[in-house]
Amino acid sequence: MSTPKILLTNDDGFQSSGLQALREALEGLGEILVVAPALEKSASGHSLTLTRPLRFVEIDDDFYKLEDGTPTDCVYLALHALYAEGVKPDLVVSGINRGANMGEDITYSGTANAALEAALHGIPAFAISQVCNHNCTKVELEVGYDLAKKTARSLAQKLLNRELSLPHRTYLNVNIPPLPPDKCKGIQITKAGYRYYGNDAQVHRNPRGEEYWWIGLHPLRWRPESGTVMSDFDAIAQGYVSITPVQANPTNLAAIQELKDAF
């Protein structure tokens, strides 16, 4: 049996501590190739760079940064340039992101959408994020990535060993509570929750008096939900790891008949 091929990326940049933790977590499971953005690309969504050339820069053996590329660029170009024709990785993992990617934030997330890009190419994939409650440095120092690493390795093994198979064009979005492994209550299979959004765009002036805007982060606020399937927000709040299956097709099937009737 051939050695599994694993592609890693993220949206925090090639120097992020989360990416290093992920690489350590998956060591020994296969041939690991890392392709990550040269700069932080948080909230880049599922964007491809079409208006300028991109360049791989080799940092180490099987480790590249992509100059000014997005996470989606990293996956797309790795598949086309760094693997032989007809060869695909057996698994793509994106993360470990510094901060949550839950609810509708999945659509903004460069981390999540790198996994989506893999799913579009028929490759099993998951995105993994460490929830920080707006203080990622404190979580890294006090809690670390132990629970995220343990979860990532377990999930990678299940996918590589085919104990778990994903539906076509579906990836897993994983969020980790800011807890050590012994304090976590376990895993919940969840749905994407309903986040409340505000507006944290702030206006400032530079030394020349010119106005500029800076988009900030607002607190994680969500609508609590009841039912047989817990939301990702509720799972994290209760001390569980959240795993949400996310599909590429965003069609609202419930609205189709009403639209047919209207037109």
C-alpha atoms as a PDB file:
ATOM      1  CA  MET A   1       0.000   0.000   0.000  1.00  0.00           C
ATOM      2  CA  SER A   2       1.345   3.438  -0.924  1.00  0.00           C
ATOM      3  CA  THR A   3       2.021   6.060   1.720  1.00  0.00           C
ATOM      4  CA  PRO A   4      -0.899   8.499   2.103  1.00  0.00           C
ATOM      5  CA  LYS A   5      -0.352  12.017   0.827  1.00  0.00           C
ATOM      6  CA  ILE A   6      -1.569  14.856   3.060  1.00  0.00           C
ATOM      7  CA  LEU A   7      -1.758  18.524   2.050  1.00  0.00           C
ATOM      8  CA  LEU A   8      -1.871  21.196   4.780  1.00  0.00           C
ATOM      9  CA  THR A   9      -2.757  24.863   4.505  1.00  0.00           C
ATOM     10  CA  ASN A  10      -4.337  27.650   6.569  1.00  0.00           C
ATOM     11  CA  ASP A  11      -5.342  31.308   6.377  1.00  0.00           C
ATOM     12  CA  ASP A  12      -3.125  32.670   9.174  1.00  0.00           C
ATOM     13  CA  GLY A  13       0.054  32.451   7.150  1.00  0.00           C
ATOM     14  CA  PHE A  14       2.946  30.035   6.842  1.00  0.00           C
ATOM     15  CA  GLN A  15       4.508  31.099  10.163  1.00  0.00           C
ATOM     16  CA  SER A  16       1.409  30.542  12.305  1.00  0.00           C
ATOM     17  CA  SER A  17       1.690  28.478  15.468  1.00  0.00           C
ATOM     18  CA  GLY A  18      -1.551  26.695  14.577  1.00  0.00           C
ATOM     19  CA  LEU A  19      -0.118  25.410  11.301  1.00  0.00           C
ATOM     20  CA  GLN A  20       2.982  24.151  13.084  1.00  0.00           C
ATOM     21  CA  ALA A  21       0.792  22.398  15.663  1.00  0.00           C
ATOM     22  CA  LEU A  22      -1.217  20.749  12.878  1.00  0.00           C
ATOM     23  CA  ARG A  23       1.932  19.536  11.150  1.00  0.00           C
ATOM     24  CA  GLU A  24       3.128  18.021  14.431  1.00  0.00           C
ATOM     25  CA  ALA A  25      -0.270  16.409  15.054  1.00  0.00           C
ATOM     26  CA  LEU A  26      -0.304  14.575  11.711  1.00  0.00           C
ATOM     27  CA  GLU A  27       3.353  13.563  11.685  1.00  0.00           C
ATOM     28  CA  GLY A  28       3.776   9.912  10.780  1.00  0.00           C
ATOM     29  CA  LEU A  29       0.391   9.521   9.101  1.00  0.00           C
ATOM     30  CA  GLY A  30       1.721  10.111   5.604  1.00  0.00           C
ATOM     31  CA  GLU A  31       3.783  12.315   3.309  1.00  0.00           C
ATOM     32  CA  ILE A  32       2.952  15.844   4.444  1.00  0.00           C
ATOM     33  CA  LEU A  33       3.140  18.782   2.045  1.00  0.00           C
ATOM     34  CA  VAL A  34       2.533  22.286   3.414  1.00  0.00           C
ATOM     35  CA  VAL A  35       1.453  25.162   1.165  1.00  0.00           C
ATOM     36  CA  ALA A  36       0.321  28.243   3.065  1.00  0.00           C
ATOM     37  CA  PRO A  37      -0.138  31.949   2.344  1.00  0.00           C
ATOM     38  CA  ALA A  38       2.882  34.182   2.792  1.00  0.00           C
ATOM     39  CA  LEU A  39       0.673  36.642   4.684  1.00  0.00           C
ATOM     40  CA  GLU A  40      -2.382  36.308   6.868  1.00  0.00           C
ATOM     41  CA  LYS A  41      -5.470  35.896   4.692  1.00  0.00           C
ATOM     42  CA  SER A  42      -8.223  35.695   7.294  1.00  0.00           C
ATOM     43  CA  ALA A  43     -11.757  36.234   5.971  1.00  0.00           C
ATOM     44  CA  SER A  44     -10.590  35.729   2.385  1.00  0.00           C
ATOM     45  CA  GLY A  45     -13.458  33.309   1.763  1.00  0.00           C
ATOM     46  CA  HIS A  46     -13.309  31.119  -1.323  1.00  0.00           C
ATOM     47  CA  SER A  47     -11.304  33.582  -3.376  1.00  0.00           C
ATOM     48  CA  LEU A  48      -8.894  32.777  -6.189  1.00  0.00           C
ATOM     49  CA  THR A  49      -6.273  35.275  -7.381  1.00  0.00           C
ATOM     50  CA  LEU A  50      -6.924  35.984 -11.066  1.00  0.00           C
ATOM     51  CA  THR A  51      -5.362  39.421 -11.620  1.00  0.00           C
ATOM     52  CA  ARG A  52      -1.683  38.816 -10.799  1.00  0.00           C
ATOM     53  CA  PRO A  53       0.853  35.987 -10.944  1.00  0.00           C
ATOM     54  CA  LEU A  54       1.628  33.865  -7.881  1.00  0.00           C
ATOM     55  CA  ARG A  55       4.922  32.292  -6.860  1.00  0.00           C
ATOM     56  CA  PHE A  56       5.850  29.370  -4.624  1.00  0.00           C
ATOM     57  CA  VAL A  57       8.733  30.033  -2.229  1.00  0.00           C
ATOM     58  CA  GLU A  58      10.326  26.941  -0.696  1.00  0.00           C
ATOM     59  CA  ILE A  59      10.791  27.355   3.048  1.00  0.00           C
ATOM     60  CA  ASP A  60      11.840  23.793   3.875  1.00  0.00           C
ATOM     61  CA  ASP A  61      11.492  20.309   2.447  1.00  0.00           C
ATOM     62  CA  ASP A  62       7.841  19.885   1.397  1.00  0.00           C
ATOM     63  CA  PHE A  63       6.993  23.296   2.857  1.00  0.00           C
ATOM     64  CA  TYR A  64       6.110  26.277   0.657  1.00  0.00           C
ATOM     65  CA  LYS A  65       4.657  29.715   1.094  1.00  0.00           C
ATOM     66  CA  LEU A  66       2.612  31.194  -1.722  1.00  0.00           C
ATOM     67  CA  GLU A  67       3.455  34.854  -2.223  1.00  0.00           C
ATOM     68  CA  ASP A  68       0.292  36.911  -1.620  1.00  0.00           C
ATOM     69  CA  GLY A  69      -1.893  33.884  -2.335  1.00  0.00           C
ATOM     70  CA  THR A  70      -5.144  32.964  -0.625  1.00  0.00           C
ATOM     71  CA  PRO A  71      -5.807  29.603   1.066  1.00  0.00           C
ATOM     72  CA  THR A  72      -7.899  28.586  -1.947  1.00  0.00           C
ATOM     73  CA  ASP A  73      -4.972  29.513  -4.225  1.00  0.00           C
ATOM     74  CA  CYS A  74      -2.722  27.315  -2.085  1.00  0.00           C
ATOM     75  CA  VAL A  75      -4.902  24.238  -2.534  1.00  0.00           C
ATOM     76  CA  TYR A  76      -5.706  24.881  -6.187  1.00  0.00           C
ATOM     77  CA  LEU A  77      -2.104  25.486  -7.242  1.00  0.00           C
ATOM     78  CA  ALA A  78      -0.668  22.707  -5.075  1.00  0.00           C
ATOM     79  CA  LEU A  79      -2.953  20.227  -6.835  1.00  0.00           C
ATOM     80  CA  HIS A  80      -1.904  21.480 -10.256  1.00  0.00           C
ATOM     81  CA  ALA A  81       1.785  22.284  -9.717  1.00  0.00           C
ATOM     82  CA  LEU A  82       3.211  20.215  -6.870  1.00  0.00           C
ATOM     83  CA  TYR A  83       1.582  16.844  -7.453  1.00  0.00           C
ATOM     84  CA  ALA A  84       2.270  14.750 -10.532  1.00  0.00           C
ATOM     85  CA  GLU A  85      -0.402  14.644 -13.211  1.00  0.00           C
ATOM     86  CA  GLY A  86      -3.185  12.315 -12.188  1.00  0.00           C
ATOM     87  CA  VAL A  87      -2.047  12.284  -8.545  1.00  0.00           C
ATOM     88  CA  LYS A  88      -4.078  13.845  -5.745  1.00  0.00           C
ATOM     89  CA  PRO A  89      -3.485  13.976  -2.014  1.00  0.00           C
ATOM     90  CA  ASP A  90      -5.502  11.530   0.049  1.00  0.00           C
ATOM     91  CA  LEU A  91      -6.428  14.228   2.536  1.00  0.00           C
ATOM     92  CA  VAL A  92      -6.412  18.016   2.811  1.00  0.00           C
ATOM     93  CA  VAL A  93      -6.456  19.675   6.231  1.00  0.00           C
ATOM     94  CA  SER A  94      -6.765  23.417   6.760  1.00  0.00           C
ATOM     95  CA  GLY A  95      -5.826  25.037  10.064  1.00  0.00           C
ATOM     96  CA  ILE A  96      -5.356  25.094  12.962  1.00  0.00           C
ATOM     97  CA  ASN A  97      -7.042  28.493  12.715  1.00  0.00           C
ATOM     98  CA  ARG A  98      -6.554  31.041  15.505  1.00  0.00           C
ATOM     99  CA  GLY A  99     -10.191  31.799  16.285  1.00  0.00           C
ATOM    100  CA  ALA A 100     -13.622  30.331  15.690  1.00  0.00           C
ATOM    101  CA  ASN A 101     -15.203  29.534  12.331  1.00  0.00           C
ATOM    102  CA  MET A 102     -18.829  28.843  13.191  1.00  0.00           C
ATOM    103  CA  GLY A 103     -22.263  29.642  11.817  1.00  0.00           C
ATOM    104  CA  GLU A 104     -22.351  31.935   8.808  1.00  0.00           C
ATOM    105  CA  ASP A 105     -18.718  32.878   9.445  1.00  0.00           C
ATOM    106  CA  ILE A 106     -17.932  29.717   7.478  1.00  0.00           C
ATOM    107  CA  THR A 107     -18.639  31.693   4.313  1.00  0.00           C
ATOM    108  CA  TYR A 108     -16.026  34.322   5.229  1.00  0.00           C
ATOM    109  CA  SER A 109     -13.404  31.883   6.427  1.00  0.00           C
ATOM    110  CA  GLY A 110     -10.299  31.283   4.357  1.00  0.00           C
ATOM    111  CA  THR A 111      -9.609  28.245   6.535  1.00  0.00           C
ATOM    112  CA  ALA A 112     -12.977  26.637   5.827  1.00  0.00           C
ATOM    113  CA  ASN A 113     -12.954  27.499   2.144  1.00  0.00           C
ATOM    114  CA  ALA A 114      -9.568  25.903   1.573  1.00  0.00           C
ATOM    115  CA  ALA A 115     -11.220  22.662   2.665  1.00  0.00           C
ATOM    116  CA  LEU A 116     -14.115  23.424   0.325  1.00  0.00           C
ATOM    117  CA  GLU A 117     -11.675  23.748  -2.571  1.00  0.00           C
ATOM    118  CA  ALA A 118     -10.349  20.290  -1.814  1.00  0.00           C
ATOM    119  CA  ALA A 119     -13.885  18.898  -1.646  1.00  0.00           C
ATOM    120  CA  LEU A 120     -14.647  20.350  -5.086  1.00  0.00           C
ATOM    121  CA  HIS A 121     -11.749  18.267  -6.418  1.00  0.00           C
ATOM    122  CA  GLY A 122     -13.107  15.117  -4.786  1.00  0.00           C
ATOM    123  CA  ILE A 123     -10.563  15.031  -1.954  1.00  0.00           C
ATOM    124  CA  PRO A 124     -11.543  14.290   1.667  1.00  0.00           C
ATOM    125  CA  ALA A 125     -10.925  17.407   3.711  1.00  0.00           C
ATOM    126  CA  PHE A 126     -11.557  19.151   6.986  1.00  0.00           C
ATOM    127  CA  ALA A 127     -10.967  22.601   8.408  1.00  0.00           C
ATOM    128  CA  ILE A 128     -10.088  22.923  12.091  1.00  0.00           C
ATOM    129  CA  SER A 129     -10.264  26.059  14.226  1.00  0.00           C
ATOM    130  CA  GLN A 130      -9.334  26.846  17.821  1.00  0.00           C
ATOM    131  CA  VAL A 131     -12.010  28.983  19.471  1.00  0.00           C
ATOM    132  CA  CYS A 132     -10.322  31.791  21.410  1.00  0.00           C
ATOM    133  CA  ASN A 133     -13.054  34.115  22.718  1.00  0.00           C
ATOM    134  CA  HIS A 134     -11.110  37.077  21.273  1.00  0.00           C
ATOM    135  CA  ASN A 135      -7.866  36.328  23.120  1.00  0.00           C
ATOM    136  CA  CYS A 136      -5.954  33.786  21.064  1.00  0.00           C
ATOM    137  CA  THR A 137      -2.599  34.608  22.678  1.00  0.00           C
ATOM    138  CA  LYS A 138      -4.009  33.812  26.119  1.00  0.00           C
ATOM    139  CA  VAL A 139      -5.522  30.539  24.874  1.00  0.00           C
ATOM    140  CA  GLU A 140      -2.237  29.543  23.220  1.00  0.00           C
ATOM    141  CA  LEU A 141      -0.291  30.237  26.438  1.00  0.00           C
ATOM    142  CA  GLU A 142      -2.757  28.767  28.927  1.00  0.00           C
ATOM    143  CA  VAL A 143      -4.444  25.957  26.977  1.00  0.00           C
ATOM    144  CA  GLY A 144      -2.367  25.367  23.858  1.00  0.00           C
ATOM    145  CA  TYR A 145      -3.377  23.245  20.898  1.00  0.00           C
ATOM    146  CA  ASP A 146      -3.391  19.850  22.618  1.00  0.00           C
ATOM    147  CA  LEU A 147      -7.113  19.202  22.165  1.00  0.00           C
ATOM    148  CA  ALA A 148      -7.023  20.471  18.573  1.00  0.00           C
ATOM    149  CA  LYS A 149      -4.018  18.255  17.769  1.00  0.00           C
ATOM    150  CA  LYS A 150      -5.642  15.201  19.322  1.00  0.00           C
ATOM    151  CA  THR A 151      -8.868  15.820  17.389  1.00  0.00           C
ATOM    152  CA  ALA A 152      -7.069  16.501  14.096  1.00  0.00           C
ATOM    153  CA  ARG A 153      -5.028  13.310  14.310  1.00  0.00           C
ATOM    154  CA  SER A 154      -8.029  11.159  15.201  1.00  0.00           C
ATOM    155  CA  LEU A 155     -10.140  12.603  12.394  1.00  0.00           C
ATOM    156  CA  ALA A 156      -7.300  12.311   9.867  1.00  0.00           C
ATOM    157  CA  GLN A 157      -6.836   8.656  10.780  1.00  0.00           C
ATOM    158  CA  LYS A 158     -10.533   7.926  10.325  1.00  0.00           C
ATOM    159  CA  LEU A 159     -10.546   9.551   6.886  1.00  0.00           C
ATOM    160  CA  LEU A 160      -7.289   7.978   5.717  1.00  0.00           C
ATOM    161  CA  ASN A 161      -8.330   4.517   6.954  1.00  0.00           C
ATOM    162  CA  ARG A 162     -11.760   4.989   5.362  1.00  0.00           C
ATOM    163  CA  GLU A 163     -13.510   4.415   8.660  1.00  0.00           C
ATOM    164  CA  LEU A 164     -15.309   7.613   7.692  1.00  0.00           C
ATOM    165  CA  SER A 165     -16.379   8.603   4.185  1.00  0.00           C
ATOM    166  CA  LEU A 166     -17.799  11.971   3.226  1.00  0.00           C
ATOM    167  CA  PRO A 167     -20.609  12.673   0.765  1.00  0.00           C
ATOM    168  CA  HIS A 168     -19.618  14.151  -2.590  1.00  0.00           C
ATOM    169  CA  ARG A 169     -18.403  17.757  -2.341  1.00  0.00           C
ATOM    170  CA  THR A 170     -18.728  17.800   1.434  1.00  0.00           C
ATOM    171  CA  TYR A 171     -16.043  18.702   3.974  1.00  0.00           C
ATOM    172  CA  LEU A 172     -15.973  18.827   7.777  1.00  0.00           C
ATOM    173  CA  ASN A 173     -15.760  22.083   9.684  1.00  0.00           C
ATOM    174  CA  VAL A 174     -14.277  21.439  13.127  1.00  0.00           C
ATOM    175  CA  ASN A 175     -14.207  23.877  16.045  1.00  0.00           C
ATOM    176  CA  ILE A 176     -12.301  23.254  19.277  1.00  0.00           C
ATOM    177  CA  PRO A 177     -13.370  24.702  22.649  1.00  0.00           C
ATOM    178  CA  PRO A 178     -10.657  26.592  24.586  1.00  0.00           C
ATOM    179  CA  LEU A 179     -10.135  23.674  26.976  1.00  0.00           C
ATOM    180  CA  PRO A 180      -7.442  21.089  27.728  1.00  0.00           C
ATOM    181  CA  PRO A 181      -8.293  17.554  26.559  1.00  0.00           C
ATOM    182  CA  ASP A 182      -9.272  16.341  30.034  1.00  0.00           C
ATOM    183  CA  LYS A 183     -11.871  19.105  30.414  1.00  0.00           C
ATOM    184  CA  CYS A 184     -13.580  18.520  27.045  1.00  0.00           C
ATOM    185  CA  LYS A 185     -16.928  16.710  27.252  1.00  0.00           C
ATOM    186  CA  GLY A 186     -16.474  14.933  23.927  1.00  0.00           C
ATOM    187  CA  ILE A 187     -17.589  15.482  20.340  1.00  0.00           C
ATOM    188  CA  GLN A 188     -20.917  16.734  19.011  1.00  0.00           C
ATOM    189  CA  ILE A 189     -21.925  16.408  15.369  1.00  0.00           C
ATOM    190  CA  THR A 190     -23.503  19.779  14.771  1.00  0.00           C
ATOM    191  CA  LYS A 191     -25.194  22.125  12.339  1.00  0.00           C
ATOM    192  CA  ALA A 192     -23.962  25.605  11.509  1.00  0.00           C
ATOM    193  CA  GLY A 193     -25.581  27.997  13.952  1.00  0.00           C
ATOM    194  CA  TYR A 194     -27.241  31.379  13.506  1.00  0.00           C
ATOM    195  CA  ARG A 195     -24.832  34.195  14.309  1.00  0.00           C
ATOM    196  CA  TYR A 196     -25.921  37.717  15.146  1.00  0.00           C
ATOM    197  CA  TYR A 197     -23.877  40.320  13.292  1.00  0.00           C
ATOM    198  CA  GLY A 198     -23.111  43.882  14.244  1.00  0.00           C
ATOM    199  CA  ASN A 199     -20.919  46.541  12.688  1.00  0.00           C
ATOM    200  CA  ASP A 200     -17.434  47.063  14.053  1.00  0.00           C
ATOM    201  CA  ALA A 201     -16.095  49.186  11.196  1.00  0.00           C
ATOM    202  CA  GLN A 202     -14.095  52.046  12.728  1.00  0.00           C
ATOM    203  CA  VAL A 203     -13.101  55.291  11.076  1.00  0.00           C
ATOM    204  CA  HIS A 204      -9.683  56.873  11.737  1.00  0.00           C
ATOM    205  CA  ARG A 205      -7.393  59.482  10.205  1.00  0.00           C
ATOM    206  CA  ASN A 206      -3.799  59.035   9.183  1.00  0.00           C
ATOM    207  CA  PRO A 207      -1.067  61.635  10.000  1.00  0.00           C
ATOM    208  CA  ARG A 208      -2.015  63.546   6.824  1.00  0.00           C
ATOM    209  CA  GLY A 209      -5.594  63.849   7.943  1.00  0.00           C
ATOM    210  CA  GLU A 210      -6.924  61.374   5.383  1.00  0.00           C
ATOM    211  CA  GLU A 211      -9.828  59.213   6.472  1.00  0.00           C
ATOM    212  CA  TYR A 212      -9.565  55.435   6.472  1.00  0.00           C
ATOM    213  CA  TRP A 213     -11.659  52.564   7.746  1.00  0.00           C
ATOM    214  CA  TRP A 214     -10.652  49.489   9.734  1.00  0.00           C
ATOM    215  CA  ILE A 215     -12.970  46.484   9.969  1.00  0.00           C
ATOM    216  CA  GLY A 216     -12.729  44.869  13.393  1.00  0.00           C
ATOM    217  CA  LEU A 217     -14.182  41.850  15.150  1.00  0.00           C
ATOM    218  CA  HIS A 218     -17.388  41.890  17.148  1.00  0.00           C
ATOM    219  CA  PRO A 219     -18.285  39.485  19.959  1.00  0.00           C
ATOM    220  CA  LEU A 220     -19.534  35.992  19.188  1.00  0.00           C
ATOM    221  CA  ARG A 221     -23.287  36.253  19.678  1.00  0.00           C
ATOM    222  CA  TRP A 222     -25.678  33.615  18.427  1.00  0.00           C
ATOM    223  CA  ARG A 223     -29.242  32.412  18.615  1.00  0.00           C
ATOM    224  CA  PRO A 224     -29.517  29.452  20.995  1.00  0.00           C
ATOM    225  CA  GLU A 225     -31.350  26.568  19.366  1.00  0.00           C
ATOM    226  CA  SER A 226     -33.128  23.455  20.549  1.00  0.00           C
ATOM    227  CA  GLY A 227     -33.704  20.234  18.660  1.00  0.00           C
ATOM    228  CA  THR A 228     -32.069  16.921  17.978  1.00  0.00           C
ATOM    229  CA  VAL A 229     -28.995  18.485  16.295  1.00  0.00           C
ATOM    230  CA  MET A 230     -26.992  20.954  18.355  1.00  0.00           C
ATOM    231  CA  SER A 231     -25.533  24.074  16.730  1.00  0.00           C
ATOM    232  CA  ASP A 232     -21.785  24.574  16.573  1.00  0.00           C
ATOM    233  CA  PHE A 233     -22.059  27.614  18.855  1.00  0.00           C
ATOM    234  CA  ASP A 234     -24.019  25.724  21.504  1.00  0.00           C
ATOM    235  CA  ALA A 235     -21.647  22.754  21.377  1.00  0.00           C
ATOM    236  CA  ILE A 236     -18.596  24.939  21.972  1.00  0.00           C
ATOM    237  CA  ALA A 237     -20.346  26.871  24.752  1.00  0.00           C
ATOM    238  CA  GLN A 238     -21.101  23.576  26.510  1.00  0.00           C
ATOM    239  CA  GLY A 239     -17.520  22.308  26.258  1.00  0.00           C
ATOM    240  CA  TYR A 240     -17.734  19.972  23.271  1.00  0.00           C
ATOM    241  CA  VAL A 241     -15.721  19.727  20.065  1.00  0.00           C
ATOM    242  CA  SER A 242     -18.022  20.654  17.178  1.00  0.00           C
ATOM    243  CA  ILE A 243     -17.882  18.815  13.837  1.00  0.00           C
ATOM    244  CA  THR A 244     -20.193  20.135  11.125  1.00  0.00           C
ATOM    245  CA  PRO A 245     -20.554  18.557   7.668  1.00  0.00           C
ATOM    246  CA  VAL A 246     -20.639  21.361   5.093  1.00  0.00           C
ATOM    247  CA  GLN A 247     -21.686  20.901   1.467  1.00  0.00           C
ATOM    248  CA  ALA A 248     -20.675  22.999  -1.507  1.00  0.00           C
ATOM    249  CA  ASN A 249     -24.155  23.349  -3.021  1.00  0.00           C
ATOM    250  CA  PRO A 250     -25.901  26.317  -1.318  1.00  0.00           C
ATOM    251  CA  THR A 251     -29.277  25.952  -3.037  1.00  0.00           C
ATOM    252  CA  ASN A 252     -32.267  26.688  -0.783  1.00  0.00           C
ATOM    253  CA  LEU A 253     -34.446  23.772  -1.864  1.00  0.00           C
ATOM    254  CA  ALA A 254     -37.371  24.922   0.292  1.00  0.00           C
ATOM    255  CA  ALA A 255     -37.681  28.132  -1.744  1.00  0.00           C
ATOM    256  CA  ILE A 256     -37.825  26.486  -5.189  1.00  0.00           C
ATOM    257  CA  GLN A 257     -41.576  25.813  -5.326  1.00  0.00           C
ATOM    258  CA  GLU A 258     -42.478  29.289  -4.082  1.00  0.00           C
ATOM    259  CA  LEU A 259     -40.265  30.825  -6.787  1.00  0.00           C
ATOM    260  CA  LYS A 260     -41.815  28.565  -9.439  1.00  0.00           C
ATOM    261  CA  ASP A 261     -45.264  29.701  -8.362  1.00  0.00           C
ATOM    262  CA  ALA A 262     -44.209  33.355  -8.460  1.00  0.00           C
ATOM    263  CA  PHE A 263     -42.808  33.150 -11.994  1.00  0.00           C
END
